[in-house]
Amino acid sequence: MVVTSGRADASPLRKVVEELRKRCAVYELGLGGRNPSECVDDVTYFLHDTCPDILLLLGDRYETLATALAATYCRVPIAHIHGGETTLGAFDNNIRDAVTKLSHLHFVATDYFAE
C-alpha cells in the first residue's frame, strides 16, 4: 500500500510507485487536506479491508504519521523512506522521528542518516 498526500505526482515517491505497480498491487489513498484523526480512521478501515503485506511511507507530513499509527494498530509492517533526515528548526523532524520509531524497514538516503 502506498499513501500519498499533497502533490503526489511531483513526489520522489512517484517513480517508486510506478516500479511497484509492475510487480504487485498498489493502492493509493489520497489523504491531503484531511485532519489527522480522519486520516487515522480512513487508513484503519482501508487496512482492514485490504490486509496489505507491508505499507510504504515517505517523509514527514501529518498524513504520514496518521498512516503509521493506523498501520501500527492494524499490525501492518511499515517501510519508511527518508528516516533520519533533519530540517533545521522544523516541526517535521518530530513527525519523521515518530514514523521512524514505528517503522520496521528503513530506507535512508545516506549512511549519515542511517546513524
PDB file of N, CA and C in Angstrom:
ATOM      1  N   MET A   1       0.850  -1.175   0.000  1.00  0.00           N
ATOM      2  CA  MET A   1       0.000   0.000   0.000  1.00  0.00           C
ATOM      3  C   MET A   1       0.886   1.225   0.000  1.00  0.00           C
ATOM      4  N   VAL A   2       0.518   2.193  -0.764  1.00  0.00           N
ATOM      5  CA  VAL A   2       1.228   3.468  -0.821  1.00  0.00           C
ATOM      6  C   VAL A   2       0.219   4.552  -0.492  1.00  0.00           C
ATOM      7  N   VAL A   3       0.555   5.409   0.442  1.00  0.00           N
ATOM      8  CA  VAL A   3      -0.326   6.510   0.809  1.00  0.00           C
ATOM      9  C   VAL A   3       0.290   7.797   0.292  1.00  0.00           C
ATOM     10  N   THR A   4      -0.497   8.571  -0.423  1.00  0.00           N
ATOM     11  CA  THR A   4       0.003   9.822  -0.974  1.00  0.00           C
ATOM     12  C   THR A   4      -0.762  10.992  -0.381  1.00  0.00           C
ATOM     13  N   SER A   5      -0.098  12.135  -0.375  1.00  0.00           N
ATOM     14  CA  SER A   5      -0.769  13.360   0.050  1.00  0.00           C
ATOM     15  C   SER A   5      -0.083  14.506  -0.662  1.00  0.00           C
ATOM     16  N   GLY A   6      -0.731  15.644  -0.660  1.00  0.00           N
ATOM     17  CA  GLY A   6      -0.142  16.801  -1.332  1.00  0.00           C
ATOM     18  C   GLY A   6      -0.003  16.536  -2.822  1.00  0.00           C
ATOM     19  N   ARG A   7       1.139  16.913  -3.392  1.00  0.00           N
ATOM     20  CA  ARG A   7       1.393  16.753  -4.827  1.00  0.00           C
ATOM     21  C   ARG A   7       2.096  15.430  -5.085  1.00  0.00           C
ATOM     22  N   ALA A   8       1.363  14.345  -5.017  1.00  0.00           N
ATOM     23  CA  ALA A   8       1.959  13.020  -5.211  1.00  0.00           C
ATOM     24  C   ALA A   8       2.564  12.865  -6.596  1.00  0.00           C
ATOM     25  N   ASP A   9       2.003  13.550  -7.589  1.00  0.00           N
ATOM     26  CA  ASP A   9       2.518  13.428  -8.945  1.00  0.00           C
ATOM     27  C   ASP A   9       3.915  14.041  -9.070  1.00  0.00           C
ATOM     28  N   ALA A  10       4.273  14.928  -8.134  1.00  0.00           N
ATOM     29  CA  ALA A  10       5.597  15.551  -8.163  1.00  0.00           C
ATOM     30  C   ALA A  10       6.514  14.962  -7.087  1.00  0.00           C
ATOM     31  N   SER A  11       6.032  14.012  -6.369  1.00  0.00           N
ATOM     32  CA  SER A  11       6.764  13.426  -5.250  1.00  0.00           C
ATOM     33  C   SER A  11       7.902  12.532  -5.722  1.00  0.00           C
ATOM     34  N   PRO A  12       8.981  12.454  -4.921  1.00  0.00           N
ATOM     35  CA  PRO A  12      10.037  11.486  -5.240  1.00  0.00           C
ATOM     36  C   PRO A  12       9.523  10.049  -5.145  1.00  0.00           C
ATOM     37  N   LEU A  13       8.392   9.862  -4.495  1.00  0.00           N
ATOM     38  CA  LEU A  13       7.794   8.535  -4.373  1.00  0.00           C
ATOM     39  C   LEU A  13       7.146   8.070  -5.672  1.00  0.00           C
ATOM     40  N   ARG A  14       6.830   8.987  -6.572  1.00  0.00           N
ATOM     41  CA  ARG A  14       6.122   8.649  -7.806  1.00  0.00           C
ATOM     42  C   ARG A  14       6.832   7.555  -8.595  1.00  0.00           C
ATOM     43  N   LYS A  15       8.148   7.650  -8.758  1.00  0.00           N
ATOM     44  CA  LYS A  15       8.885   6.629  -9.520  1.00  0.00           C
ATOM     45  C   LYS A  15       8.889   5.292  -8.801  1.00  0.00           C
ATOM     46  N   VAL A  16       8.934   5.332  -7.486  1.00  0.00           N
ATOM     47  CA  VAL A  16       8.859   4.094  -6.708  1.00  0.00           C
ATOM     48  C   VAL A  16       7.505   3.432  -6.929  1.00  0.00           C
ATOM     49  N   VAL A  17       6.442   4.226  -6.892  1.00  0.00           N
ATOM     50  CA  VAL A  17       5.088   3.695  -7.111  1.00  0.00           C
ATOM     51  C   VAL A  17       4.980   3.073  -8.505  1.00  0.00           C
ATOM     52  N   GLU A  18       5.521   3.745  -9.513  1.00  0.00           N
ATOM     53  CA  GLU A  18       5.460   3.212 -10.874  1.00  0.00           C
ATOM     54  C   GLU A  18       6.172   1.872 -10.979  1.00  0.00           C
ATOM     55  N   GLU A  19       7.320   1.728 -10.329  1.00  0.00           N
ATOM     56  CA  GLU A  19       8.046   0.456 -10.353  1.00  0.00           C
ATOM     57  C   GLU A  19       7.299  -0.617  -9.566  1.00  0.00           C
ATOM     58  N   LEU A  20       6.711  -0.246  -8.436  1.00  0.00           N
ATOM     59  CA  LEU A  20       5.944  -1.218  -7.652  1.00  0.00           C
ATOM     60  C   LEU A  20       4.739  -1.747  -8.428  1.00  0.00           C
ATOM     61  N   ARG A  21       4.094  -0.879  -9.186  1.00  0.00           N
ATOM     62  CA  ARG A  21       2.922  -1.302  -9.980  1.00  0.00           C
ATOM     63  C   ARG A  21       3.277  -2.420 -10.960  1.00  0.00           C
ATOM     64  N   LYS A  22       4.521  -2.482 -11.390  1.00  0.00           N
ATOM     65  CA  LYS A  22       4.958  -3.532 -12.305  1.00  0.00           C
ATOM     66  C   LYS A  22       5.084  -4.880 -11.593  1.00  0.00           C
ATOM     67  N   ARG A  23       5.175  -4.849 -10.259  1.00  0.00           N
ATOM     68  CA  ARG A  23       5.474  -6.058  -9.504  1.00  0.00           C
ATOM     69  C   ARG A  23       4.353  -6.542  -8.590  1.00  0.00           C
ATOM     70  N   CYS A  24       3.486  -5.625  -8.166  1.00  0.00           N
ATOM     71  CA  CYS A  24       2.462  -6.006  -7.194  1.00  0.00           C
ATOM     72  C   CYS A  24       1.300  -5.021  -7.246  1.00  0.00           C
ATOM     73  N   ALA A  25       0.261  -5.334  -6.491  1.00  0.00           N
ATOM     74  CA  ALA A  25      -0.886  -4.436  -6.404  1.00  0.00           C
ATOM     75  C   ALA A  25      -0.505  -3.225  -5.551  1.00  0.00           C
ATOM     76  N   VAL A  26      -0.837  -2.052  -6.035  1.00  0.00           N
ATOM     77  CA  VAL A  26      -0.567  -0.813  -5.324  1.00  0.00           C
ATOM     78  C   VAL A  26      -1.879  -0.056  -5.195  1.00  0.00           C
ATOM     79  N   TYR A  27      -2.212   0.330  -3.980  1.00  0.00           N
ATOM     80  CA  TYR A  27      -3.403   1.123  -3.727  1.00  0.00           C
ATOM     81  C   TYR A  27      -2.945   2.497  -3.280  1.00  0.00           C
ATOM     82  N   GLU A  28      -3.510   3.536  -3.849  1.00  0.00           N
ATOM     83  CA  GLU A  28      -3.181   4.890  -3.423  1.00  0.00           C
ATOM     84  C   GLU A  28      -4.389   5.483  -2.717  1.00  0.00           C
ATOM     85  N   LEU A  29      -4.155   5.934  -1.519  1.00  0.00           N
ATOM     86  CA  LEU A  29      -5.202   6.538  -0.708  1.00  0.00           C
ATOM     87  C   LEU A  29      -4.802   7.985  -0.466  1.00  0.00           C
ATOM     88  N   GLY A  30      -5.386   8.906  -1.199  1.00  0.00           N
ATOM     89  CA  GLY A  30      -5.041  10.323  -1.065  1.00  0.00           C
ATOM     90  C   GLY A  30      -5.624  10.911   0.203  1.00  0.00           C
ATOM     91  N   LEU A  31      -4.768  11.428   1.059  1.00  0.00           N
ATOM     92  CA  LEU A  31      -5.220  11.954   2.343  1.00  0.00           C
ATOM     93  C   LEU A  31      -5.002  13.451   2.501  1.00  0.00           C
ATOM     94  N   GLY A  32      -4.467  14.101   1.491  1.00  0.00           N
ATOM     95  CA  GLY A  32      -4.175  15.533   1.589  1.00  0.00           C
ATOM     96  C   GLY A  32      -5.405  16.336   1.953  1.00  0.00           C
ATOM     97  N   GLY A  33      -5.236  17.264   2.887  1.00  0.00           N
ATOM     98  CA  GLY A  33      -6.323  18.149   3.278  1.00  0.00           C
ATOM     99  C   GLY A  33      -7.251  17.598   4.343  1.00  0.00           C
ATOM    100  N   ARG A  34      -7.041  16.358   4.768  1.00  0.00           N
ATOM    101  CA  ARG A  34      -7.887  15.771   5.824  1.00  0.00           C
ATOM    102  C   ARG A  34      -7.238  16.057   7.168  1.00  0.00           C
ATOM    103  N   ASN A  35      -8.038  16.076   8.242  1.00  0.00           N
ATOM    104  CA  ASN A  35      -7.420  16.262   9.553  1.00  0.00           C
ATOM    105  C   ASN A  35      -6.828  14.931  10.018  1.00  0.00           C
ATOM    106  N   PRO A  36      -5.872  14.959  10.940  1.00  0.00           N
ATOM    107  CA  PRO A  36      -5.163  13.729  11.322  1.00  0.00           C
ATOM    108  C   PRO A  36      -6.063  12.604  11.821  1.00  0.00           C
ATOM    109  N   SER A  37      -7.084  12.923  12.608  1.00  0.00           N
ATOM    110  CA  SER A  37      -7.945  11.848  13.117  1.00  0.00           C
ATOM    111  C   SER A  37      -8.738  11.189  11.992  1.00  0.00           C
ATOM    112  N   GLU A  38      -9.166  11.973  11.006  1.00  0.00           N
ATOM    113  CA  GLU A  38      -9.846  11.390   9.841  1.00  0.00           C
ATOM    114  C   GLU A  38      -8.889  10.493   9.062  1.00  0.00           C
ATOM    115  N   CYS A  39      -7.639  10.918   8.952  1.00  0.00           N
ATOM    116  CA  CYS A  39      -6.637  10.111   8.250  1.00  0.00           C
ATOM    117  C   CYS A  39      -6.449   8.765   8.937  1.00  0.00           C
ATOM    118  N   VAL A  40      -6.311   8.781  10.263  1.00  0.00           N
ATOM    119  CA  VAL A  40      -6.142   7.519  11.003  1.00  0.00           C
ATOM    120  C   VAL A  40      -7.346   6.620  10.763  1.00  0.00           C
ATOM    121  N   ASP A  41      -8.551   7.175  10.871  1.00  0.00           N
ATOM    122  CA  ASP A  41      -9.765   6.373  10.657  1.00  0.00           C
ATOM    123  C   ASP A  41      -9.827   5.812   9.243  1.00  0.00           C
ATOM    124  N   ASP A  42      -9.596   6.666   8.238  1.00  0.00           N
ATOM    125  CA  ASP A  42      -9.676   6.218   6.845  1.00  0.00           C
ATOM    126  C   ASP A  42      -8.665   5.117   6.553  1.00  0.00           C
ATOM    127  N   VAL A  43      -7.445   5.297   7.024  1.00  0.00           N
ATOM    128  CA  VAL A  43      -6.410   4.288   6.761  1.00  0.00           C
ATOM    129  C   VAL A  43      -6.710   3.004   7.515  1.00  0.00           C
ATOM    130  N   THR A  44      -7.192   3.103   8.738  1.00  0.00           N
ATOM    131  CA  THR A  44      -7.525   1.903   9.514  1.00  0.00           C
ATOM    132  C   THR A  44      -8.582   1.075   8.791  1.00  0.00           C
ATOM    133  N   TYR A  45      -9.640   1.721   8.324  1.00  0.00           N
ATOM    134  CA  TYR A  45     -10.675   0.998   7.581  1.00  0.00           C
ATOM    135  C   TYR A  45     -10.102   0.369   6.319  1.00  0.00           C
ATOM    136  N   PHE A  46      -9.283   1.125   5.623  1.00  0.00           N
ATOM    137  CA  PHE A  46      -8.688   0.626   4.388  1.00  0.00           C
ATOM    138  C   PHE A  46      -7.787  -0.580   4.651  1.00  0.00           C
ATOM    139  N   LEU A  47      -6.985  -0.505   5.706  1.00  0.00           N
ATOM    140  CA  LEU A  47      -6.089  -1.619   6.030  1.00  0.00           C
ATOM    141  C   LEU A  47      -6.867  -2.872   6.410  1.00  0.00           C
ATOM    142  N   HIS A  48      -7.955  -2.696   7.134  1.00  0.00           N
ATOM    143  CA  HIS A  48      -8.788  -3.853   7.475  1.00  0.00           C
ATOM    144  C   HIS A  48      -9.392  -4.490   6.226  1.00  0.00           C
ATOM    145  N   ASP A  49      -9.753  -3.669   5.246  1.00  0.00           N
ATOM    146  CA  ASP A  49     -10.360  -4.181   4.014  1.00  0.00           C
ATOM    147  C   ASP A  49      -9.355  -4.839   3.076  1.00  0.00           C
ATOM    148  N   THR A  50      -8.137  -4.301   3.013  1.00  0.00           N
ATOM    149  CA  THR A  50      -7.166  -4.772   2.018  1.00  0.00           C
ATOM    150  C   THR A  50      -6.124  -5.738   2.561  1.00  0.00           C
ATOM    151  N   CYS A  51      -5.842  -5.697   3.851  1.00  0.00           N
ATOM    152  CA  CYS A  51      -4.848  -6.570   4.504  1.00  0.00           C
ATOM    153  C   CYS A  51      -3.520  -6.606   3.744  1.00  0.00           C
ATOM    154  N   PRO A  52      -2.842  -5.471   3.555  1.00  0.00           N
ATOM    155  CA  PRO A  52      -1.582  -5.472   2.808  1.00  0.00           C
ATOM    156  C   PRO A  52      -0.470  -6.180   3.581  1.00  0.00           C
ATOM    157  N   ASP A  53       0.532  -6.671   2.847  1.00  0.00           N
ATOM    158  CA  ASP A  53       1.680  -7.319   3.465  1.00  0.00           C
ATOM    159  C   ASP A  53       2.601  -6.302   4.129  1.00  0.00           C
ATOM    160  N   ILE A  54       2.656  -5.114   3.536  1.00  0.00           N
ATOM    161  CA  ILE A  54       3.538  -4.063   4.045  1.00  0.00           C
ATOM    162  C   ILE A  54       3.012  -2.712   3.568  1.00  0.00           C
ATOM    163  N   LEU A  55       3.378  -1.673   4.293  1.00  0.00           N
ATOM    164  CA  LEU A  55       2.962  -0.317   3.956  1.00  0.00           C
ATOM    165  C   LEU A  55       4.227   0.498   3.706  1.00  0.00           C
ATOM    166  N   LEU A  56       4.294   1.190   2.600  1.00  0.00           N
ATOM    167  CA  LEU A  56       5.441   2.020   2.244  1.00  0.00           C
ATOM    168  C   LEU A  56       5.114   3.481   2.491  1.00  0.00           C
ATOM    169  N   LEU A  57       5.924   4.126   3.321  1.00  0.00           N
ATOM    170  CA  LEU A  57       5.698   5.526   3.661  1.00  0.00           C
ATOM    171  C   LEU A  57       6.931   6.355   3.346  1.00  0.00           C
ATOM    172  N   LEU A  58       6.700   7.572   2.923  1.00  0.00           N
ATOM    173  CA  LEU A  58       7.772   8.515   2.628  1.00  0.00           C
ATOM    174  C   LEU A  58       7.534   9.788   3.413  1.00  0.00           C
ATOM    175  N   GLY A  59       8.547  10.229   4.140  1.00  0.00           N
ATOM    176  CA  GLY A  59       8.549  11.585   4.608  1.00  0.00           C
ATOM    177  C   GLY A  59       8.060  11.886   5.994  1.00  0.00           C
ATOM    178  N   ASP A  60       7.507  13.089   6.120  1.00  0.00           N
ATOM    179  CA  ASP A  60       7.326  13.693   7.431  1.00  0.00           C
ATOM    180  C   ASP A  60       6.065  14.547   7.556  1.00  0.00           C
ATOM    181  N   ARG A  61       5.059  14.246   6.777  1.00  0.00           N
ATOM    182  CA  ARG A  61       3.818  15.014   6.865  1.00  0.00           C
ATOM    183  C   ARG A  61       2.890  14.381   7.905  1.00  0.00           C
ATOM    184  N   TYR A  62       1.897  15.149   8.355  1.00  0.00           N
ATOM    185  CA  TYR A  62       1.000  14.612   9.369  1.00  0.00           C
ATOM    186  C   TYR A  62       0.208  13.419   8.851  1.00  0.00           C
ATOM    187  N   GLU A  63      -0.070  13.391   7.542  1.00  0.00           N
ATOM    188  CA  GLU A  63      -0.773  12.242   6.966  1.00  0.00           C
ATOM    189  C   GLU A  63       0.082  10.976   7.075  1.00  0.00           C
ATOM    190  N   THR A  64       1.393  11.147   6.961  1.00  0.00           N
ATOM    191  CA  THR A  64       2.304  10.018   7.085  1.00  0.00           C
ATOM    192  C   THR A  64       2.272   9.470   8.511  1.00  0.00           C
ATOM    193  N   LEU A  65       2.287  10.345   9.491  1.00  0.00           N
ATOM    194  CA  LEU A  65       2.223   9.918  10.885  1.00  0.00           C
ATOM    195  C   LEU A  65       0.893   9.233  11.180  1.00  0.00           C
ATOM    196  N   ALA A  66      -0.203   9.807  10.700  1.00  0.00           N
ATOM    197  CA  ALA A  66      -1.518   9.201  10.918  1.00  0.00           C
ATOM    198  C   ALA A  66      -1.573   7.803  10.302  1.00  0.00           C
ATOM    199  N   THR A  67      -0.981   7.658   9.128  1.00  0.00           N
ATOM    200  CA  THR A  67      -0.959   6.362   8.456  1.00  0.00           C
ATOM    201  C   THR A  67      -0.105   5.366   9.226  1.00  0.00           C
ATOM    202  N   ALA A  68       1.031   5.818   9.747  1.00  0.00           N
ATOM    203  CA  ALA A  68       1.887   4.947  10.549  1.00  0.00           C
ATOM    204  C   ALA A  68       1.154   4.485  11.813  1.00  0.00           C
ATOM    205  N   LEU A  69       0.399   5.374  12.432  1.00  0.00           N
ATOM    206  CA  LEU A  69      -0.374   4.988  13.618  1.00  0.00           C
ATOM    207  C   LEU A  69      -1.421   3.931  13.270  1.00  0.00           C
ATOM    208  N   ALA A  70      -2.143   4.144  12.177  1.00  0.00           N
ATOM    209  CA  ALA A  70      -3.158   3.174  11.762  1.00  0.00           C
ATOM    210  C   ALA A  70      -2.515   1.818  11.459  1.00  0.00           C
ATOM    211  N   ALA A  71      -1.392   1.820  10.773  1.00  0.00           N
ATOM    212  CA  ALA A  71      -0.710   0.567  10.451  1.00  0.00           C
ATOM    213  C   ALA A  71      -0.238  -0.143  11.713  1.00  0.00           C
ATOM    214  N   THR A  72       0.221   0.615  12.686  1.00  0.00           N
ATOM    215  CA  THR A  72       0.649   0.027  13.954  1.00  0.00           C
ATOM    216  C   THR A  72      -0.522  -0.640  14.650  1.00  0.00           C
ATOM    217  N   TYR A  73      -1.661   0.034  14.705  1.00  0.00           N
ATOM    218  CA  TYR A  73      -2.862  -0.549  15.313  1.00  0.00           C
ATOM    219  C   TYR A  73      -3.293  -1.823  14.588  1.00  0.00           C
ATOM    220  N   CYS A  74      -3.143  -1.821  13.261  1.00  0.00           N
ATOM    221  CA  CYS A  74      -3.587  -2.956  12.437  1.00  0.00           C
ATOM    222  C   CYS A  74      -2.502  -4.024  12.271  1.00  0.00           C
ATOM    223  N   ARG A  75      -1.350  -3.805  12.869  1.00  0.00           N
ATOM    224  CA  ARG A  75      -0.226  -4.746  12.811  1.00  0.00           C
ATOM    225  C   ARG A  75       0.262  -4.995  11.387  1.00  0.00           C
ATOM    226  N   VAL A  76       0.308  -3.935  10.617  1.00  0.00           N
ATOM    227  CA  VAL A  76       0.850  -3.990   9.260  1.00  0.00           C
ATOM    228  C   VAL A  76       2.268  -3.434   9.313  1.00  0.00           C
ATOM    229  N   PRO A  77       3.270  -4.196   8.880  1.00  0.00           N
ATOM    230  CA  PRO A  77       4.646  -3.689   8.901  1.00  0.00           C
ATOM    231  C   PRO A  77       4.805  -2.450   8.025  1.00  0.00           C
ATOM    232  N   ILE A  78       5.697  -1.571   8.450  1.00  0.00           N
ATOM    233  CA  ILE A  78       5.918  -0.299   7.768  1.00  0.00           C
ATOM    234  C   ILE A  78       7.343  -0.233   7.230  1.00  0.00           C
ATOM    235  N   ALA A  79       7.473   0.168   5.965  1.00  0.00           N
ATOM    236  CA  ALA A  79       8.763   0.505   5.367  1.00  0.00           C
ATOM    237  C   ALA A  79       8.774   2.019   5.208  1.00  0.00           C
ATOM    238  N   HIS A  80       9.816   2.669   5.711  1.00  0.00           N
ATOM    239  CA  HIS A  80       9.868   4.131   5.721  1.00  0.00           C
ATOM    240  C   HIS A  80      11.054   4.622   4.903  1.00  0.00           C
ATOM    241  N   ILE A  81      10.783   5.546   4.000  1.00  0.00           N
ATOM    242  CA  ILE A  81      11.814   6.164   3.165  1.00  0.00           C
ATOM    243  C   ILE A  81      12.162   7.540   3.746  1.00  0.00           C
ATOM    244  N   HIS A  82      13.434   7.840   3.857  1.00  0.00           N
ATOM    245  CA  HIS A  82      13.980   9.133   4.281  1.00  0.00           C
ATOM    246  C   HIS A  82      13.955   9.371   5.783  1.00  0.00           C
ATOM    247  N   GLY A  83      13.946   8.316   6.588  1.00  0.00           N
ATOM    248  CA  GLY A  83      14.101   8.496   8.030  1.00  0.00           C
ATOM    249  C   GLY A  83      15.505   8.999   8.341  1.00  0.00           C
ATOM    250  N   GLY A  84      15.654   9.612   9.512  1.00  0.00           N
ATOM    251  CA  GLY A  84      16.957  10.071   9.956  1.00  0.00           C
ATOM    252  C   GLY A  84      17.359  11.442   9.450  1.00  0.00           C
ATOM    253  N   GLU A  85      16.628  11.971   8.494  1.00  0.00           N
ATOM    254  CA  GLU A  85      16.966  13.292   7.956  1.00  0.00           C
ATOM    255  C   GLU A  85      16.478  14.377   8.915  1.00  0.00           C
ATOM    256  N   THR A  86      17.009  15.561   8.752  1.00  0.00           N
ATOM    257  CA  THR A  86      16.575  16.679   9.587  1.00  0.00           C
ATOM    258  C   THR A  86      16.366  17.925   8.738  1.00  0.00           C
ATOM    259  N   THR A  87      15.450  18.742   9.192  1.00  0.00           N
ATOM    260  CA  THR A  87      15.221  20.057   8.617  1.00  0.00           C
ATOM    261  C   THR A  87      15.394  21.032   9.764  1.00  0.00           C
ATOM    262  N   LEU A  88      16.416  21.835   9.705  1.00  0.00           N
ATOM    263  CA  LEU A  88      16.794  22.700  10.815  1.00  0.00           C
ATOM    264  C   LEU A  88      15.611  23.489  11.361  1.00  0.00           C
ATOM    265  N   GLY A  89      15.280  23.257  12.631  1.00  0.00           N
ATOM    266  CA  GLY A  89      14.236  24.003  13.316  1.00  0.00           C
ATOM    267  C   GLY A  89      12.814  23.665  12.917  1.00  0.00           C
ATOM    268  N   ALA A  90      12.614  22.630  12.124  1.00  0.00           N
ATOM    269  CA  ALA A  90      11.268  22.338  11.607  1.00  0.00           C
ATOM    270  C   ALA A  90      10.510  21.354  12.500  1.00  0.00           C
ATOM    271  N   PHE A  91       9.231  21.548  12.584  1.00  0.00           N
ATOM    272  CA  PHE A  91       8.322  20.640  13.282  1.00  0.00           C
ATOM    273  C   PHE A  91       8.341  19.258  12.620  1.00  0.00           C
ATOM    274  N   ASP A  92       8.642  19.223  11.316  1.00  0.00           N
ATOM    275  CA  ASP A  92       8.664  17.969  10.561  1.00  0.00           C
ATOM    276  C   ASP A  92       9.580  16.928  11.182  1.00  0.00           C
ATOM    277  N   ASN A  93      10.641  17.364  11.843  1.00  0.00           N
ATOM    278  CA  ASN A  93      11.576  16.424  12.455  1.00  0.00           C
ATOM    279  C   ASN A  93      10.883  15.509  13.458  1.00  0.00           C
ATOM    280  N   ASN A  94       9.978  16.054  14.255  1.00  0.00           N
ATOM    281  CA  ASN A  94       9.256  15.245  15.244  1.00  0.00           C
ATOM    282  C   ASN A  94       8.409  14.176  14.576  1.00  0.00           C
ATOM    283  N   ILE A  95       7.729  14.559  13.511  1.00  0.00           N
ATOM    284  CA  ILE A  95       6.888  13.600  12.800  1.00  0.00           C
ATOM    285  C   ILE A  95       7.745  12.518  12.161  1.00  0.00           C
ATOM    286  N   ARG A  96       8.815  12.923  11.487  1.00  0.00           N
ATOM    287  CA  ARG A  96       9.703  11.965  10.820  1.00  0.00           C
ATOM    288  C   ARG A  96      10.288  10.980  11.829  1.00  0.00           C
ATOM    289  N   ASP A  97      10.713  11.482  12.989  1.00  0.00           N
ATOM    290  CA  ASP A  97      11.284  10.612  14.020  1.00  0.00           C
ATOM    291  C   ASP A  97      10.249   9.632  14.565  1.00  0.00           C
ATOM    292  N   ALA A  98       9.017  10.091  14.739  1.00  0.00           N
ATOM    293  CA  ALA A  98       7.957   9.206  15.230  1.00  0.00           C
ATOM    294  C   ALA A  98       7.662   8.105  14.216  1.00  0.00           C
ATOM    295  N   VAL A  99       7.579   8.470  12.930  1.00  0.00           N
ATOM    296  CA  VAL A  99       7.339   7.467  11.886  1.00  0.00           C
ATOM    297  C   VAL A  99       8.493   6.464  11.847  1.00  0.00           C
ATOM    298  N   THR A 100       9.719   6.957  12.009  1.00  0.00           N
ATOM    299  CA  THR A 100      10.879   6.071  12.040  1.00  0.00           C
ATOM    300  C   THR A 100      10.753   5.062  13.180  1.00  0.00           C
ATOM    301  N   LYS A 101      10.351   5.516  14.346  1.00  0.00           N
ATOM    302  CA  LYS A 101      10.203   4.616  15.501  1.00  0.00           C
ATOM    303  C   LYS A 101       9.132   3.556  15.268  1.00  0.00           C
ATOM    304  N   LEU A 102       8.091   3.893  14.520  1.00  0.00           N
ATOM    305  CA  LEU A 102       7.004   2.946  14.255  1.00  0.00           C
ATOM    306  C   LEU A 102       7.316   1.998  13.098  1.00  0.00           C
ATOM    307  N   SER A 103       8.384   2.262  12.361  1.00  0.00           N
ATOM    308  CA  SER A 103       8.699   1.505  11.143  1.00  0.00           C
ATOM    309  C   SER A 103       9.545   0.267  11.421  1.00  0.00           C
ATOM    310  N   HIS A 104       9.439  -0.680  10.493  1.00  0.00           N
ATOM    311  CA  HIS A 104      10.162  -1.945  10.589  1.00  0.00           C
ATOM    312  C   HIS A 104      11.334  -2.018   9.615  1.00  0.00           C
ATOM    313  N   LEU A 105      11.159  -1.434   8.441  1.00  0.00           N
ATOM    314  CA  LEU A 105      12.218  -1.376   7.432  1.00  0.00           C
ATOM    315  C   LEU A 105      12.538   0.089   7.177  1.00  0.00           C
ATOM    316  N   HIS A 106      13.843   0.379   7.034  1.00  0.00           N
ATOM    317  CA  HIS A 106      14.274   1.770   6.899  1.00  0.00           C
ATOM    318  C   HIS A 106      15.111   1.937   5.646  1.00  0.00           C
ATOM    319  N   PHE A 107      14.674   2.844   4.786  1.00  0.00           N
ATOM    320  CA  PHE A 107      15.397   3.167   3.560  1.00  0.00           C
ATOM    321  C   PHE A 107      15.847   4.621   3.667  1.00  0.00           C
ATOM    322  N   VAL A 108      17.131   4.791   3.957  1.00  0.00           N
ATOM    323  CA  VAL A 108      17.674   6.132   4.173  1.00  0.00           C
ATOM    324  C   VAL A 108      18.471   6.571   2.956  1.00  0.00           C
ATOM    325  N   ALA A 109      18.657   7.884   2.836  1.00  0.00           N
ATOM    326  CA  ALA A 109      19.335   8.440   1.665  1.00  0.00           C
ATOM    327  C   ALA A 109      20.853   8.327   1.754  1.00  0.00           C
ATOM    328  N   THR A 110      21.403   8.350   2.978  1.00  0.00           N
ATOM    329  CA  THR A 110      22.853   8.313   3.142  1.00  0.00           C
ATOM    330  C   THR A 110      23.215   7.507   4.391  1.00  0.00           C
ATOM    331  N   ASP A 111      24.475   7.108   4.496  1.00  0.00           N
ATOM    332  CA  ASP A 111      24.963   6.424   5.688  1.00  0.00           C
ATOM    333  C   ASP A 111      24.816   7.320   6.931  1.00  0.00           C
ATOM    334  N   TYR A 112      25.036   8.608   6.733  1.00  0.00           N
ATOM    335  CA  TYR A 112      24.905   9.563   7.845  1.00  0.00           C
ATOM    336  C   TYR A 112      23.501   9.511   8.445  1.00  0.00           C
ATOM    337  N   PHE A 113      22.490   9.493   7.605  1.00  0.00           N
ATOM    338  CA  PHE A 113      21.109   9.447   8.102  1.00  0.00           C
ATOM    339  C   PHE A 113      20.793   8.110   8.745  1.00  0.00           C
ATOM    340  N   ALA A 114      21.466   7.060   8.320  1.00  0.00           N
ATOM    341  CA  ALA A 114      21.231   5.742   8.923  1.00  0.00           C
ATOM    342  C   ALA A 114      21.634   5.740  10.399  1.00  0.00           C
ATOM    343  N   GLU A 115      22.646   6.535  10.737  1.00  0.00           N
ATOM    344  CA  GLU A 115      23.082   6.594  12.120  1.00  0.00           C
ATOM    345  C   GLU A 115      22.115   7.384  12.969  1.00  0.00           C
TER     346      GLU A 115
END
